[in-house]
Amino acid sequence: EVLADALHLRGGIANLSLRNNRHLGKRGLALLCQAPVMDKLDFGICDLDTDETIAVAHAVARRPWVLGELVLAGNYRMDTDGLLALVSTQTCRKLRALDVSFCDVGDHRATAVLTALRQLSTQ
């Protein structure tokens, strides 16, 4: 909460990396997603689970401005529901790039994500 508040007071920052911080929690993640980070927000290798991933997706969707890139690489505990929340219409409208490398997506999750993305392209 302190970091998010400091970023608001400072007027924002281009990039924020919180890579390998395993205890951010849903509330902390949501607050940081709302902070004025413009280009890149990195939660790589933070051991996010599905609920935390969904919290990130919902918080990104509520941002008043677009985020250049959201990095969630190495968070292999998110499941299909977490990935689908990340590619929802509301979330994608607030992202230019999404990195879910090393998240154990696999064929079954990739199929679900590609189907969701196809539906986005028809809206």
Foldseek 3Di string as FASTA:
>chain_A
DVVLVVLVVVVHEAEDAPEQQQPCDLVNLLSNLQRRHAEEYHHENNLDAQVSLLSNLVSLLPHPAAYEEYEHEQNQRHALNSLLSCLALSSVVRYNYYHHHNNPCDDVSVVSNVVRNVVNVVD
